Amino acid sequence: MRYQFRFGKLNKQTSPKRHRGAVFIEYLLLVTLVGFGVIVGLAALRGALVNELLDLANAINAINT
């Protein structure tokens, strides 16, 4: 019992610091994941936009000829 009480007391003293570090790591991983999602989404949007503009350019070119 004596060691459990001392260990529990030690945990209470270091817990807020470790908790803040854990929360920071969680937010960092979340921001990284969202960043990768944004990059992939923008790349897909760029490809789709280029294709649509090429189709529009071909349609305008067909009208002019």
Protein backbone atom coordinates (compact mmCIF):
# COMPACT_ATOMS: atom_id res chain seq x y z
CA MET A 1 0.00 0.00 0.00
CA ARG A 2 2.79 2.36 0.82
CA TYR A 3 4.32 2.13 -2.67
CA GLN A 4 0.96 2.49 -4.36
CA PHE A 5 0.27 5.67 -2.43
CA ARG A 6 3.66 7.10 -3.27
CA PHE A 7 3.26 6.08 -6.92
CA GLY A 8 -0.20 7.65 -7.03
CA LYS A 9 1.16 10.85 -5.54
CA LEU A 10 3.97 10.86 -8.07
CA ASN A 11 1.45 10.38 -10.88
CA LYS A 12 -0.63 13.32 -9.68
CA GLN A 13 2.42 15.58 -9.68
CA THR A 14 3.57 14.68 -13.21
CA SER A 15 0.16 14.09 -14.78
CA PRO A 16 -0.67 17.66 -15.92
CA LYS A 17 2.66 18.04 -17.69
CA ARG A 18 2.34 14.67 -19.43
CA HIS A 19 -1.29 15.41 -20.25
CA ARG A 20 -0.36 18.68 -21.93
CA GLY A 21 2.31 16.90 -23.95
CA ALA A 22 -0.12 14.19 -24.99
CA VAL A 23 -2.72 16.75 -26.04
CA PHE A 24 -0.08 18.61 -28.06
CA ILE A 25 0.94 15.41 -29.85
CA GLU A 26 -2.71 14.60 -30.61
CA TYR A 27 -3.29 18.06 -32.07
CA LEU A 28 -0.07 17.83 -34.05
CA LEU A 29 -1.12 14.49 -35.56
CA LEU A 30 -4.58 15.86 -36.33
CA VAL A 31 -3.18 18.95 -38.06
CA THR A 32 -0.75 16.78 -40.04
CA LEU A 33 -3.56 14.49 -41.17
CA VAL A 34 -5.75 17.42 -42.17
CA GLY A 35 -2.80 18.98 -44.01
CA PHE A 36 -2.24 15.82 -46.04
CA GLY A 37 -5.96 15.71 -46.81
CA VAL A 38 -5.93 19.29 -48.02
CA ILE A 39 -2.91 18.67 -50.26
CA VAL A 40 -4.48 15.55 -51.80
CA GLY A 41 -7.81 17.33 -52.24
CA LEU A 42 -6.22 20.32 -53.94
CA ALA A 43 -4.25 18.04 -56.27
CA ALA A 44 -7.47 16.26 -57.27
CA LEU A 45 -9.26 19.58 -57.72
CA ARG A 46 -6.42 20.87 -59.89
CA GLY A 47 -6.62 17.82 -62.15
CA ALA A 48 -10.39 18.09 -62.51
CA LEU A 49 -10.21 21.84 -63.20
CA VAL A 50 -7.53 21.38 -65.86
CA ASN A 51 -9.65 18.74 -67.59
CA GLU A 52 -12.74 20.94 -67.53
CA LEU A 53 -10.85 23.94 -68.89
CA LEU A 54 -9.36 21.77 -71.66
CA ASP A 55 -12.86 20.61 -72.58
CA LEU A 56 -14.04 24.22 -72.63
CA ALA A 57 -11.07 25.26 -74.78
CA ASN A 58 -11.78 22.44 -77.22
CA ALA A 59 -15.47 23.42 -77.39
CA ILE A 60 -14.59 27.08 -78.09
CA ASN A 61 -12.03 25.98 -80.66
CA ALA A 62 -14.66 23.82 -82.39
CA ILE A 63 -17.02 26.82 -82.61
CA ASN A 64 -14.32 29.03 -84.16
CA THR A 65 -13.37 26.50 -86.88
